[in-house]
Structure formats: C-alpha cells, structure tokens
Amino acid sequence: MKLLAKWLLSATALLAVAYLYSGVEIKSFSAAMIAAFVIGLFNAVLRPILVVLTLPVTVLTVGLFLFVINALMFWSAASILDGFHVQGFGAALIGSLIYSALGIVIDSALQRLFPNH
C-alpha cells in the first residue's frame, strides 16, 4: 500500500514540478505515472552504479556532484518517454531539485502514515 501511495504521490509531484517550473512539461497524469516509475527505476538501478563510478568527483565536490547525477536520471527519463519533456540539462537540474524536495516531503508524510513499514 505504501509503495502505491508513493508512486501516486511521486506522479503528482512531477505534475507539481511542471506547474511550478516551465522547463519541465508533463502531458497527463498517466504520463506522470509512467515518468515517476521510470525515474524510480533509474534511481534504483543506475544511480548506485553512477555514484560508485563518480565517487572521486563526488568527494572532490563535497557531494555536490550528486545533484548532477540526479539531474541526469531526470533528464534520461524525459529523453526516452513521450509526454514528459525537459528543456535541457539546466532545466533537468532545477526540475530534479524541485522533485527531490517534494520527494522528501512525500517520504516524511508516508513515514507518518505507515510508521511500521
């Protein structure tokens, strides 16, 4: 149940990003659902590999390079999906920052709703 709620709220967060920032476009809620799934999949599979491969750069930048990795995941998802468009890397960086901030709020709310999971 928690996973389904997170997915729905993440899709809603993507719609909020598109509403708040003109560099990100989402055509519909179903496109947002697919995009949230793909971003989650990329973050679960590709992000850990990229974090390990770029560890020296991440250490040199005191962790700031992780923002670049997040933007790459966001931008990559937009590049392979219809209905989800990001207008370049700068827009992906800003969009991923907003999406991450909303994700923190979502995780906090879900932790309170589902405390034992």
PDB file of N, CA and C in Angstrom:
ATOM      1  N   MET A   1       0.828  -1.198   0.000  1.00  0.00           N
ATOM      2  CA  MET A   1       0.000   0.000   0.000  1.00  0.00           C
ATOM      3  C   MET A   1       0.873   1.263   0.000  1.00  0.00           C
ATOM      4  N   LYS A   2       1.950   1.209   0.812  1.00  0.00           N
ATOM      5  CA  LYS A   2       2.845   2.365   0.892  1.00  0.00           C
ATOM      6  C   LYS A   2       3.515   2.632  -0.464  1.00  0.00           C
ATOM      7  N   LEU A   3       3.908   1.564  -1.158  1.00  0.00           N
ATOM      8  CA  LEU A   3       4.555   1.713  -2.461  1.00  0.00           C
ATOM      9  C   LEU A   3       3.609   2.355  -3.478  1.00  0.00           C
ATOM     10  N   LEU A   4       2.362   1.932  -3.486  1.00  0.00           N
ATOM     11  CA  LEU A   4       1.368   2.509  -4.385  1.00  0.00           C
ATOM     12  C   LEU A   4       1.134   3.991  -4.062  1.00  0.00           C
ATOM     13  N   ALA A   5       1.041   4.304  -2.781  1.00  0.00           N
ATOM     14  CA  ALA A   5       0.850   5.699  -2.366  1.00  0.00           C
ATOM     15  C   ALA A   5       2.052   6.545  -2.784  1.00  0.00           C
ATOM     16  N   LYS A   6       3.262   5.998  -2.615  1.00  0.00           N
ATOM     17  CA  LYS A   6       4.465   6.747  -3.006  1.00  0.00           C
ATOM     18  C   LYS A   6       4.478   6.992  -4.512  1.00  0.00           C
ATOM     19  N   TRP A   7       4.092   5.982  -5.283  1.00  0.00           N
ATOM     20  CA  TRP A   7       4.070   6.119  -6.734  1.00  0.00           C
ATOM     21  C   TRP A   7       3.073   7.200  -7.161  1.00  0.00           C
ATOM     22  N   LEU A   8       1.864   7.153  -6.607  1.00  0.00           N
ATOM     23  CA  LEU A   8       0.847   8.155  -6.949  1.00  0.00           C
ATOM     24  C   LEU A   8       1.282   9.565  -6.534  1.00  0.00           C
ATOM     25  N   LEU A   9       1.864   9.671  -5.352  1.00  0.00           N
ATOM     26  CA  LEU A   9       2.312  10.982  -4.877  1.00  0.00           C
ATOM     27  C   LEU A   9       3.527  11.482  -5.667  1.00  0.00           C
ATOM     28  N   SER A  10       4.386  10.574  -6.093  1.00  0.00           N
ATOM     29  CA  SER A  10       5.530  10.969  -6.926  1.00  0.00           C
ATOM     30  C   SER A  10       5.066  11.472  -8.288  1.00  0.00           C
ATOM     31  N   ALA A  11       4.055  10.835  -8.847  1.00  0.00           N
ATOM     32  CA  ALA A  11       3.485  11.305 -10.109  1.00  0.00           C
ATOM     33  C   ALA A  11       2.862  12.686  -9.927  1.00  0.00           C
ATOM     34  N   THR A  12       2.179  12.877  -8.809  1.00  0.00           N
ATOM     35  CA  THR A  12       1.605  14.187  -8.501  1.00  0.00           C
ATOM     36  C   THR A  12       2.707  15.222  -8.320  1.00  0.00           C
ATOM     37  N   ALA A  13       3.817  14.820  -7.708  1.00  0.00           N
ATOM     38  CA  ALA A  13       4.955  15.725  -7.534  1.00  0.00           C
ATOM     39  C   ALA A  13       5.527  16.137  -8.891  1.00  0.00           C
ATOM     40  N   LEU A  14       5.575  15.215  -9.840  1.00  0.00           N
ATOM     41  CA  LEU A  14       6.044  15.566 -11.187  1.00  0.00           C
ATOM     42  C   LEU A  14       5.117  16.586 -11.842  1.00  0.00           C
ATOM     43  N   LEU A  15       3.817  16.409 -11.657  1.00  0.00           N
ATOM     44  CA  LEU A  15       2.873  17.401 -12.176  1.00  0.00           C
ATOM     45  C   LEU A  15       3.102  18.758 -11.512  1.00  0.00           C
ATOM     46  N   ALA A  16       3.415  18.743 -10.216  1.00  0.00           N
ATOM     47  CA  ALA A  16       3.695  19.993  -9.500  1.00  0.00           C
ATOM     48  C   ALA A  16       4.967  20.648 -10.032  1.00  0.00           C
ATOM     49  N   VAL A  17       5.987  19.843 -10.335  1.00  0.00           N
ATOM     50  CA  VAL A  17       7.219  20.389 -10.908  1.00  0.00           C
ATOM     51  C   VAL A  17       6.915  21.080 -12.227  1.00  0.00           C
ATOM     52  N   ALA A  18       6.122  20.425 -13.071  1.00  0.00           N
ATOM     53  CA  ALA A  18       5.759  21.007 -14.367  1.00  0.00           C
ATOM     54  C   ALA A  18       4.950  22.289 -14.196  1.00  0.00           C
ATOM     55  N   TYR A  19       4.125  22.337 -13.171  1.00  0.00           N
ATOM     56  CA  TYR A  19       3.323  23.528 -12.902  1.00  0.00           C
ATOM     57  C   TYR A  19       4.197  24.670 -12.372  1.00  0.00           C
ATOM     58  N   LEU A  20       5.145  24.337 -11.516  1.00  0.00           N
ATOM     59  CA  LEU A  20       5.985  25.361 -10.885  1.00  0.00           C
ATOM     60  C   LEU A  20       7.122  25.849 -11.773  1.00  0.00           C
ATOM     61  N   TYR A  21       7.587  24.993 -12.686  1.00  0.00           N
ATOM     62  CA  TYR A  21       8.763  25.335 -13.493  1.00  0.00           C
ATOM     63  C   TYR A  21       8.488  25.047 -14.968  1.00  0.00           C
ATOM     64  N   SER A  22       8.639  26.054 -15.790  1.00  0.00           N
ATOM     65  CA  SER A  22       8.288  25.929 -17.209  1.00  0.00           C
ATOM     66  C   SER A  22       9.269  25.087 -18.016  1.00  0.00           C
ATOM     67  N   GLY A  23      10.414  24.751 -17.471  1.00  0.00           N
ATOM     68  CA  GLY A  23      11.387  23.925 -18.184  1.00  0.00           C
ATOM     69  C   GLY A  23      11.032  22.457 -18.219  1.00  0.00           C
ATOM     70  N   VAL A  24      10.002  22.078 -17.459  1.00  0.00           N
ATOM     71  CA  VAL A  24       9.557  20.680 -17.409  1.00  0.00           C
ATOM     72  C   VAL A  24       8.102  20.632 -17.847  1.00  0.00           C
ATOM     73  N   GLU A  25       7.790  19.712 -18.757  1.00  0.00           N
ATOM     74  CA  GLU A  25       6.424  19.564 -19.251  1.00  0.00           C
ATOM     75  C   GLU A  25       5.950  18.122 -19.077  1.00  0.00           C
ATOM     76  N   ILE A  26       4.742  17.984 -18.547  1.00  0.00           N
ATOM     77  CA  ILE A  26       4.087  16.676 -18.413  1.00  0.00           C
ATOM     78  C   ILE A  26       2.736  16.798 -19.106  1.00  0.00           C
ATOM     79  N   LYS A  27       2.444  15.885 -20.017  1.00  0.00           N
ATOM     80  CA  LYS A  27       1.206  15.972 -20.798  1.00  0.00           C
ATOM     81  C   LYS A  27      -0.041  15.533 -20.035  1.00  0.00           C
ATOM     82  N   SER A  28       0.091  14.532 -19.162  1.00  0.00           N
ATOM     83  CA  SER A  28      -1.087  13.994 -18.479  1.00  0.00           C
ATOM     84  C   SER A  28      -0.664  13.287 -17.191  1.00  0.00           C
ATOM     85  N   PHE A  29      -1.661  12.925 -16.387  1.00  0.00           N
ATOM     86  CA  PHE A  29      -1.351  12.193 -15.164  1.00  0.00           C
ATOM     87  C   PHE A  29      -0.793  10.818 -15.479  1.00  0.00           C
ATOM     88  N   SER A  30      -1.292  10.181 -16.530  1.00  0.00           N
ATOM     89  CA  SER A  30      -0.756   8.858 -16.890  1.00  0.00           C
ATOM     90  C   SER A  30       0.711   8.976 -17.331  1.00  0.00           C
ATOM     91  N   ALA A  31       1.054  10.029 -18.043  1.00  0.00           N
ATOM     92  CA  ALA A  31       2.456  10.261 -18.411  1.00  0.00           C
ATOM     93  C   ALA A  31       3.298  10.502 -17.162  1.00  0.00           C
ATOM     94  N   ALA A  32       2.737  11.207 -16.178  1.00  0.00           N
ATOM     95  CA  ALA A  32       3.437  11.444 -14.919  1.00  0.00           C
ATOM     96  C   ALA A  32       3.641  10.140 -14.156  1.00  0.00           C
ATOM     97  N   MET A  33       2.650   9.249 -14.208  1.00  0.00           N
ATOM     98  CA  MET A  33       2.778   7.949 -13.532  1.00  0.00           C
ATOM     99  C   MET A  33       3.903   7.123 -14.163  1.00  0.00           C
ATOM    100  N   ILE A  34       3.937   7.101 -15.480  1.00  0.00           N
ATOM    101  CA  ILE A  34       4.993   6.359 -16.171  1.00  0.00           C
ATOM    102  C   ILE A  34       6.353   6.992 -15.894  1.00  0.00           C
ATOM    103  N   ALA A  35       6.416   8.319 -15.937  1.00  0.00           N
ATOM    104  CA  ALA A  35       7.681   9.017 -15.675  1.00  0.00           C
ATOM    105  C   ALA A  35       8.160   8.781 -14.246  1.00  0.00           C
ATOM    106  N   ALA A  36       7.259   8.812 -13.285  1.00  0.00           N
ATOM    107  CA  ALA A  36       7.635   8.557 -11.883  1.00  0.00           C
ATOM    108  C   ALA A  36       8.174   7.139 -11.734  1.00  0.00           C
ATOM    109  N   PHE A  37       7.562   6.189 -12.430  1.00  0.00           N
ATOM    110  CA  PHE A  37       8.040   4.808 -12.395  1.00  0.00           C
ATOM    111  C   PHE A  37       9.444   4.698 -12.982  1.00  0.00           C
ATOM    112  N   VAL A  38       9.650   5.309 -14.147  1.00  0.00           N
ATOM    113  CA  VAL A  38      10.948   5.228 -14.819  1.00  0.00           C
ATOM    114  C   VAL A  38      12.035   5.940 -14.002  1.00  0.00           C
ATOM    115  N   ILE A  39      11.724   7.105 -13.457  1.00  0.00           N
ATOM    116  CA  ILE A  39      12.699   7.815 -12.617  1.00  0.00           C
ATOM    117  C   ILE A  39      13.045   6.960 -11.397  1.00  0.00           C
ATOM    118  N   GLY A  40      12.045   6.356 -10.783  1.00  0.00           N
ATOM    119  CA  GLY A  40      12.294   5.469  -9.649  1.00  0.00           C
ATOM    120  C   GLY A  40      13.149   4.273 -10.024  1.00  0.00           C
ATOM    121  N   LEU A  41      12.873   3.710 -11.186  1.00  0.00           N
ATOM    122  CA  LEU A  41      13.656   2.571 -11.677  1.00  0.00           C
ATOM    123  C   LEU A  41      15.103   2.983 -11.931  1.00  0.00           C
ATOM    124  N   PHE A  42      15.301   4.120 -12.600  1.00  0.00           N
ATOM    125  CA  PHE A  42      16.654   4.624 -12.853  1.00  0.00           C
ATOM    126  C   PHE A  42      17.388   4.891 -11.542  1.00  0.00           C
ATOM    127  N   ASN A  43      16.681   5.478 -10.579  1.00  0.00           N
ATOM    128  CA  ASN A  43      17.306   5.787  -9.290  1.00  0.00           C
ATOM    129  C   ASN A  43      17.670   4.516  -8.524  1.00  0.00           C
ATOM    130  N   ALA A  44      16.893   3.459  -8.706  1.00  0.00           N
ATOM    131  CA  ALA A  44      17.175   2.202  -8.012  1.00  0.00           C
ATOM    132  C   ALA A  44      18.282   1.399  -8.681  1.00  0.00           C
ATOM    133  N   VAL A  45      18.378   1.470 -10.019  1.00  0.00           N
ATOM    134  CA  VAL A  45      19.317   0.624 -10.746  1.00  0.00           C
ATOM    135  C   VAL A  45      20.572   1.384 -11.193  1.00  0.00           C
ATOM    136  N   LEU A  46      20.390   2.488 -11.901  1.00  0.00           N
ATOM    137  CA  LEU A  46      21.528   3.204 -12.482  1.00  0.00           C
ATOM    138  C   LEU A  46      22.254   4.124 -11.512  1.00  0.00           C
ATOM    139  N   ARG A  47      21.501   4.799 -10.654  1.00  0.00           N
ATOM    140  CA  ARG A  47      22.102   5.796  -9.760  1.00  0.00           C
ATOM    141  C   ARG A  47      23.193   5.204  -8.873  1.00  0.00           C
ATOM    142  N   PRO A  48      22.984   4.044  -8.227  1.00  0.00           N
ATOM    143  CA  PRO A  48      24.069   3.499  -7.395  1.00  0.00           C
ATOM    144  C   PRO A  48      25.349   3.213  -8.187  1.00  0.00           C
ATOM    145  N   ILE A  49      25.193   2.747  -9.410  1.00  0.00           N
ATOM    146  CA  ILE A  49      26.356   2.476 -10.257  1.00  0.00           C
ATOM    147  C   ILE A  49      27.086   3.783 -10.570  1.00  0.00           C
ATOM    148  N   LEU A  50      26.337   4.818 -10.947  1.00  0.00           N
ATOM    149  CA  LEU A  50      26.949   6.110 -11.249  1.00  0.00           C
ATOM    150  C   LEU A  50      27.604   6.733 -10.025  1.00  0.00           C
ATOM    151  N   VAL A  51      26.985   6.563  -8.869  1.00  0.00           N
ATOM    152  CA  VAL A  51      27.566   7.112  -7.635  1.00  0.00           C
ATOM    153  C   VAL A  51      28.924   6.460  -7.364  1.00  0.00           C
ATOM    154  N   VAL A  52      29.020   5.158  -7.531  1.00  0.00           N
ATOM    155  CA  VAL A  52      30.290   4.462  -7.301  1.00  0.00           C
ATOM    156  C   VAL A  52      31.325   4.881  -8.344  1.00  0.00           C
ATOM    157  N   LEU A  53      30.917   4.941  -9.610  1.00  0.00           N
ATOM    158  CA  LEU A  53      31.860   5.295 -10.671  1.00  0.00           C
ATOM    159  C   LEU A  53      32.375   6.732 -10.561  1.00  0.00           C
ATOM    160  N   THR A  54      31.565   7.609 -10.014  1.00  0.00           N
ATOM    161  CA  THR A  54      31.957   9.025  -9.922  1.00  0.00           C
ATOM    162  C   THR A  54      32.359   9.417  -8.501  1.00  0.00           C
ATOM    163  N   LEU A  55      32.650   8.442  -7.675  1.00  0.00           N
ATOM    164  CA  LEU A  55      32.994   8.721  -6.281  1.00  0.00           C
ATOM    165  C   LEU A  55      34.147   9.722  -6.119  1.00  0.00           C
ATOM    166  N   PRO A  56      35.227   9.627  -6.888  1.00  0.00           N
ATOM    167  CA  PRO A  56      36.290  10.627  -6.725  1.00  0.00           C
ATOM    168  C   PRO A  56      35.814  12.061  -7.004  1.00  0.00           C
ATOM    169  N   VAL A  57      35.012  12.233  -8.040  1.00  0.00           N
ATOM    170  CA  VAL A  57      34.486  13.568  -8.360  1.00  0.00           C
ATOM    171  C   VAL A  57      33.529  14.030  -7.261  1.00  0.00           C
ATOM    172  N   THR A  58      32.722  13.119  -6.760  1.00  0.00           N
ATOM    173  CA  THR A  58      31.777  13.451  -5.690  1.00  0.00           C
ATOM    174  C   THR A  58      32.525  13.886  -4.438  1.00  0.00           C
ATOM    175  N   VAL A  59      33.599  13.191  -4.109  1.00  0.00           N
ATOM    176  CA  VAL A  59      34.395  13.569  -2.938  1.00  0.00           C
ATOM    177  C   VAL A  59      35.035  14.942  -3.150  1.00  0.00           C
ATOM    178  N   LEU A  60      35.599  15.172  -4.341  1.00  0.00           N
ATOM    179  CA  LEU A  60      36.236  16.462  -4.633  1.00  0.00           C
ATOM    180  C   LEU A  60      35.253  17.628  -4.575  1.00  0.00           C
ATOM    181  N   THR A  61      34.009  17.376  -4.942  1.00  0.00           N
ATOM    182  CA  THR A  61      32.999  18.446  -4.939  1.00  0.00           C
ATOM    183  C   THR A  61      32.177  18.450  -3.653  1.00  0.00           C
ATOM    184  N   VAL A  62      32.617  17.702  -2.663  1.00  0.00           N
ATOM    185  CA  VAL A  62      31.961  17.616  -1.358  1.00  0.00           C
ATOM    186  C   VAL A  62      30.488  17.207  -1.512  1.00  0.00           C
ATOM    187  N   GLY A  63      30.239  16.271  -2.408  1.00  0.00           N
ATOM    188  CA  GLY A  63      28.903  15.737  -2.588  1.00  0.00           C
ATOM    189  C   GLY A  63      28.022  16.478  -3.576  1.00  0.00           C
ATOM    190  N   LEU A  64      28.462  17.631  -4.052  1.00  0.00           N
ATOM    191  CA  LEU A  64      27.621  18.412  -4.970  1.00  0.00           C
ATOM    192  C   LEU A  64      27.407  17.723  -6.314  1.00  0.00           C
ATOM    193  N   PHE A  65      28.321  16.825  -6.686  1.00  0.00           N
ATOM    194  CA  PHE A  65      28.159  16.118  -7.955  1.00  0.00           C
ATOM    195  C   PHE A  65      26.939  15.200  -7.941  1.00  0.00           C
ATOM    196  N   LEU A  66      26.442  14.852  -6.757  1.00  0.00           N
ATOM    197  CA  LEU A  66      25.233  14.032  -6.673  1.00  0.00           C
ATOM    198  C   LEU A  66      24.033  14.754  -7.290  1.00  0.00           C
ATOM    199  N   PHE A  67      24.028  16.087  -7.245  1.00  0.00           N
ATOM    200  CA  PHE A  67      22.965  16.847  -7.909  1.00  0.00           C
ATOM    201  C   PHE A  67      23.011  16.635  -9.418  1.00  0.00           C
ATOM    202  N   VAL A  68      24.217  16.535  -9.961  1.00  0.00           N
ATOM    203  CA  VAL A  68      24.380  16.273 -11.391  1.00  0.00           C
ATOM    204  C   VAL A  68      23.846  14.883 -11.733  1.00  0.00           C
ATOM    205  N   ILE A  69      24.139  13.904 -10.893  1.00  0.00           N
ATOM    206  CA  ILE A  69      23.643  12.543 -11.127  1.00  0.00           C
ATOM    207  C   ILE A  69      22.112  12.522 -11.079  1.00  0.00           C
ATOM    208  N   ASN A  70      21.518  13.221 -10.105  1.00  0.00           N
ATOM    209  CA  ASN A  70      20.051  13.292 -10.030  1.00  0.00           C
ATOM    210  C   ASN A  70      19.481  13.932 -11.289  1.00  0.00           C
ATOM    211  N   ALA A  71      20.110  14.992 -11.753  1.00  0.00           N
ATOM    212  CA  ALA A  71      19.646  15.660 -12.968  1.00  0.00           C
ATOM    213  C   ALA A  71      19.762  14.730 -14.175  1.00  0.00           C
ATOM    214  N   LEU A  72      20.826  13.951 -14.241  1.00  0.00           N
ATOM    215  CA  LEU A  72      20.982  13.005 -15.347  1.00  0.00           C
ATOM    216  C   LEU A  72      19.883  11.942 -15.345  1.00  0.00           C
ATOM    217  N   MET A  73      19.486  11.467 -14.166  1.00  0.00           N
ATOM    218  CA  MET A  73      18.403  10.480 -14.069  1.00  0.00           C
ATOM    219  C   MET A  73      17.094  11.103 -14.559  1.00  0.00           C
ATOM    220  N   PHE A  74      16.841  12.329 -14.139  1.00  0.00           N
ATOM    221  CA  PHE A  74      15.629  13.061 -14.519  1.00  0.00           C
ATOM    222  C   PHE A  74      15.606  13.298 -16.026  1.00  0.00           C
ATOM    223  N   TRP A  75      16.728  13.773 -16.559  1.00  0.00           N
ATOM    224  CA  TRP A  75      16.848  14.090 -17.981  1.00  0.00           C
ATOM    225  C   TRP A  75      16.770  12.822 -18.832  1.00  0.00           C
ATOM    226  N   SER A  76      17.392  11.752 -18.368  1.00  0.00           N
ATOM    227  CA  SER A  76      17.361  10.484 -19.107  1.00  0.00           C
ATOM    228  C   SER A  76      15.943   9.944 -19.218  1.00  0.00           C
ATOM    229  N   ALA A  77      15.200  10.017 -18.118  1.00  0.00           N
ATOM    230  CA  ALA A  77      13.813   9.551 -18.156  1.00  0.00           C
ATOM    231  C   ALA A  77      13.010  10.360 -19.167  1.00  0.00           C
ATOM    232  N   ALA A  78      13.207  11.671 -19.170  1.00  0.00           N
ATOM    233  CA  ALA A  78      12.472  12.530 -20.102  1.00  0.00           C
ATOM    234  C   ALA A  78      12.860  12.240 -21.552  1.00  0.00           C
ATOM    235  N   SER A  79      14.101  11.850 -21.770  1.00  0.00           N
ATOM    236  CA  SER A  79      14.546  11.629 -23.149  1.00  0.00           C
ATOM    237  C   SER A  79      13.967  10.361 -23.761  1.00  0.00           C
ATOM    238  N   ILE A  80      13.532   9.405 -22.932  1.00  0.00           N
ATOM    239  CA  ILE A  80      13.015   8.156 -23.503  1.00  0.00           C
ATOM    240  C   ILE A  80      11.490   8.054 -23.437  1.00  0.00           C
ATOM    241  N   LEU A  81      10.842   9.012 -22.812  1.00  0.00           N
ATOM    242  CA  LEU A  81       9.392   8.927 -22.635  1.00  0.00           C
ATOM    243  C   LEU A  81       8.651   9.973 -23.458  1.00  0.00           C
ATOM    244  N   ASP A  82       7.489   9.590 -23.955  1.00  0.00           N
ATOM    245  CA  ASP A  82       6.579  10.547 -24.575  1.00  0.00           C
ATOM    246  C   ASP A  82       5.720  11.146 -23.462  1.00  0.00           C
ATOM    247  N   GLY A  83       5.400  12.413 -23.597  1.00  0.00           N
ATOM    248  CA  GLY A  83       4.551  13.055 -22.606  1.00  0.00           C
ATOM    249  C   GLY A  83       5.308  13.663 -21.444  1.00  0.00           C
ATOM    250  N   PHE A  84       6.632  13.484 -21.398  1.00  0.00           N
ATOM    251  CA  PHE A  84       7.486  14.050 -20.362  1.00  0.00           C
ATOM    252  C   PHE A  84       8.674  14.691 -21.071  1.00  0.00           C
ATOM    253  N   HIS A  85       8.783  16.006 -20.955  1.00  0.00           N
ATOM    254  CA  HIS A  85       9.819  16.735 -21.685  1.00  0.00           C
ATOM    255  C   HIS A  85      10.558  17.680 -20.748  1.00  0.00           C
ATOM    256  N   VAL A  86      11.874  17.695 -20.875  1.00  0.00           N
ATOM    257  CA  VAL A  86      12.730  18.611 -20.120  1.00  0.00           C
ATOM    258  C   VAL A  86      13.558  19.382 -21.132  1.00  0.00           C
ATOM    259  N   GLN A  87      13.622  20.697 -20.972  1.00  0.00           N
ATOM    260  CA  GLN A  87      14.241  21.564 -21.976  1.00  0.00           C
ATOM    261  C   GLN A  87      15.755  21.714 -21.836  1.00  0.00           C
ATOM    262  N   GLY A  88      16.464  20.679 -21.486  1.00  0.00           N
ATOM    263  CA  GLY A  88      17.914  20.738 -21.403  1.00  0.00           C
ATOM    264  C   GLY A  88      18.408  20.365 -20.018  1.00  0.00           C
ATOM    265  N   PHE A  89      19.747  20.330 -19.893  1.00  0.00           N
ATOM    266  CA  PHE A  89      20.327  19.888 -18.638  1.00  0.00           C
ATOM    267  C   PHE A  89      20.045  20.856 -17.490  1.00  0.00           C
ATOM    268  N   GLY A  90      20.090  22.149 -17.753  1.00  0.00           N
ATOM    269  CA  GLY A  90      19.789  23.134 -16.707  1.00  0.00           C
ATOM    270  C   GLY A  90      18.376  22.958 -16.170  1.00  0.00           C
ATOM    271  N   ALA A  91      17.442  22.740 -17.067  1.00  0.00           N
ATOM    272  CA  ALA A  91      16.054  22.505 -16.656  1.00  0.00           C
ATOM    273  C   ALA A  91      15.944  21.193 -15.885  1.00  0.00           C
ATOM    274  N   ALA A  92      16.722  20.196 -16.293  1.00  0.00           N
ATOM    275  CA  ALA A  92      16.720  18.915 -15.573  1.00  0.00           C
ATOM    276  C   ALA A  92      17.270  19.101 -14.162  1.00  0.00           C
ATOM    277  N   LEU A  93      18.290  19.927 -14.020  1.00  0.00           N
ATOM    278  CA  LEU A  93      18.864  20.177 -12.696  1.00  0.00           C
ATOM    279  C   LEU A  93      17.853  20.862 -11.787  1.00  0.00           C
ATOM    280  N   ILE A  94      17.224  21.905 -12.280  1.00  0.00           N
ATOM    281  CA  ILE A  94      16.223  22.620 -11.479  1.00  0.00           C
ATOM    282  C   ILE A  94      15.019  21.724 -11.209  1.00  0.00           C
ATOM    283  N   GLY A  95      14.534  21.032 -12.232  1.00  0.00           N
ATOM    284  CA  GLY A  95      13.396  20.135 -12.070  1.00  0.00           C
ATOM    285  C   GLY A  95      13.677  19.019 -11.079  1.00  0.00           C
ATOM    286  N   SER A  96      14.885  18.455 -11.141  1.00  0.00           N
ATOM    287  CA  SER A  96      15.216  17.372 -10.218  1.00  0.00           C
ATOM    288  C   SER A  96      15.365  17.889  -8.788  1.00  0.00           C
ATOM    289  N   LEU A  97      15.819  19.117  -8.623  1.00  0.00           N
ATOM    290  CA  LEU A  97      15.908  19.700  -7.272  1.00  0.00           C
ATOM    291  C   LEU A  97      14.512  19.879  -6.672  1.00  0.00           C
ATOM    292  N   ILE A  98      13.583  20.395  -7.479  1.00  0.00           N
ATOM    293  CA  ILE A  98      12.203  20.575  -7.006  1.00  0.00           C
ATOM    294  C   ILE A  98      11.576  19.217  -6.710  1.00  0.00           C
ATOM    295  N   TYR A  99      11.772  18.264  -7.619  1.00  0.00           N
ATOM    296  CA  TYR A  99      11.221  16.922  -7.461  1.00  0.00           C
ATOM    297  C   TYR A  99      11.794  16.239  -6.216  1.00  0.00           C
ATOM    298  N   SER A 100      13.080  16.422  -5.970  1.00  0.00           N
ATOM    299  CA  SER A 100      13.708  15.839  -4.775  1.00  0.00           C
ATOM    300  C   SER A 100      13.157  16.460  -3.500  1.00  0.00           C
ATOM    301  N   ALA A 101      12.968  17.777  -3.515  1.00  0.00           N
ATOM    302  CA  ALA A 101      12.406  18.449  -2.338  1.00  0.00           C
ATOM    303  C   ALA A 101      10.996  17.934  -2.049  1.00  0.00           C
ATOM    304  N   LEU A 102      10.205  17.795  -3.100  1.00  0.00           N
ATOM    305  CA  LEU A 102       8.853  17.253  -2.926  1.00  0.00           C
ATOM    306  C   LEU A 102       8.912  15.793  -2.471  1.00  0.00           C
ATOM    307  N   GLY A 103       9.898  15.051  -2.953  1.00  0.00           N
ATOM    308  CA  GLY A 103      10.069  13.663  -2.542  1.00  0.00           C
ATOM    309  C   GLY A 103      10.383  13.534  -1.059  1.00  0.00           C
ATOM    310  N   ILE A 104      11.150  14.476  -0.526  1.00  0.00           N
ATOM    311  CA  ILE A 104      11.451  14.469   0.908  1.00  0.00           C
ATOM    312  C   ILE A 104      10.168  14.675   1.706  1.00  0.00           C
ATOM    313  N   VAL A 105       9.332  15.601   1.249  1.00  0.00           N
ATOM    314  CA  VAL A 105       8.052  15.850   1.922  1.00  0.00           C
ATOM    315  C   VAL A 105       7.165  14.611   1.842  1.00  0.00           C
ATOM    316  N   ILE A 106       7.123  13.982   0.680  1.00  0.00           N
ATOM    317  CA  ILE A 106       6.314  12.771   0.487  1.00  0.00           C
ATOM    318  C   ILE A 106       6.803  11.658   1.406  1.00  0.00           C
ATOM    319  N   ASP A 107       8.116  11.435   1.443  1.00  0.00           N
ATOM    320  CA  ASP A 107       8.665  10.378   2.300  1.00  0.00           C
ATOM    321  C   ASP A 107       8.352  10.631   3.767  1.00  0.00           C
ATOM    322  N   SER A 108       8.447  11.879   4.178  1.00  0.00           N
ATOM    323  CA  SER A 108       8.140  12.224   5.568  1.00  0.00           C
ATOM    324  C   SER A 108       6.670  11.956   5.887  1.00  0.00           C
ATOM    325  N   ALA A 109       5.785  12.356   4.980  1.00  0.00           N
ATOM    326  CA  ALA A 109       4.347  12.133   5.188  1.00  0.00           C
ATOM    327  C   ALA A 109       4.024  10.643   5.208  1.00  0.00           C
ATOM    328  N   LEU A 110       4.616   9.882   4.308  1.00  0.00           N
ATOM    329  CA  LEU A 110       4.351   8.443   4.264  1.00  0.00           C
ATOM    330  C   LEU A 110       4.913   7.732   5.492  1.00  0.00           C
ATOM    331  N   GLN A 111       6.025   8.230   6.007  1.00  0.00           N
ATOM    332  CA  GLN A 111       6.595   7.645   7.222  1.00  0.00           C
ATOM    333  C   GLN A 111       5.635   7.809   8.394  1.00  0.00           C
ATOM    334  N   ARG A 112       4.922   8.917   8.420  1.00  0.00           N
ATOM    335  CA  ARG A 112       3.955   9.149   9.491  1.00  0.00           C
ATOM    336  C   ARG A 112       2.675   8.345   9.284  1.00  0.00           C
ATOM    337  N   LEU A 113       2.284   8.153   8.020  1.00  0.00           N
ATOM    338  CA  LEU A 113       1.078   7.369   7.739  1.00  0.00           C
ATOM    339  C   LEU A 113       1.305   5.872   7.911  1.00  0.00           C
ATOM    340  N   PHE A 114       2.503   5.418   7.557  1.00  0.00           N
ATOM    341  CA  PHE A 114       2.844   3.996   7.634  1.00  0.00           C
ATOM    342  C   PHE A 114       4.091   3.835   8.520  1.00  0.00           C
ATOM    343  N   PRO A 115       3.957   4.040   9.837  1.00  0.00           N
ATOM    344  CA  PRO A 115       5.138   4.065  10.716  1.00  0.00           C
ATOM    345  C   PRO A 115       5.873   2.731  10.861  1.00  0.00           C
ATOM    346  N   ASN A 116       5.237   1.622  10.643  1.00  0.00           N
ATOM    347  CA  ASN A 116       5.868   0.324  10.879  1.00  0.00           C
ATOM    348  C   ASN A 116       6.394  -0.325   9.612  1.00  0.00           C
ATOM    349  N   HIS A 117       6.376   0.356   8.499  1.00  0.00           N
ATOM    350  CA  HIS A 117       6.803  -0.268   7.245  1.00  0.00           C
ATOM    351  C   HIS A 117       8.086   0.296   6.773  1.00  0.00           C
TER     352      HIS A 117
END
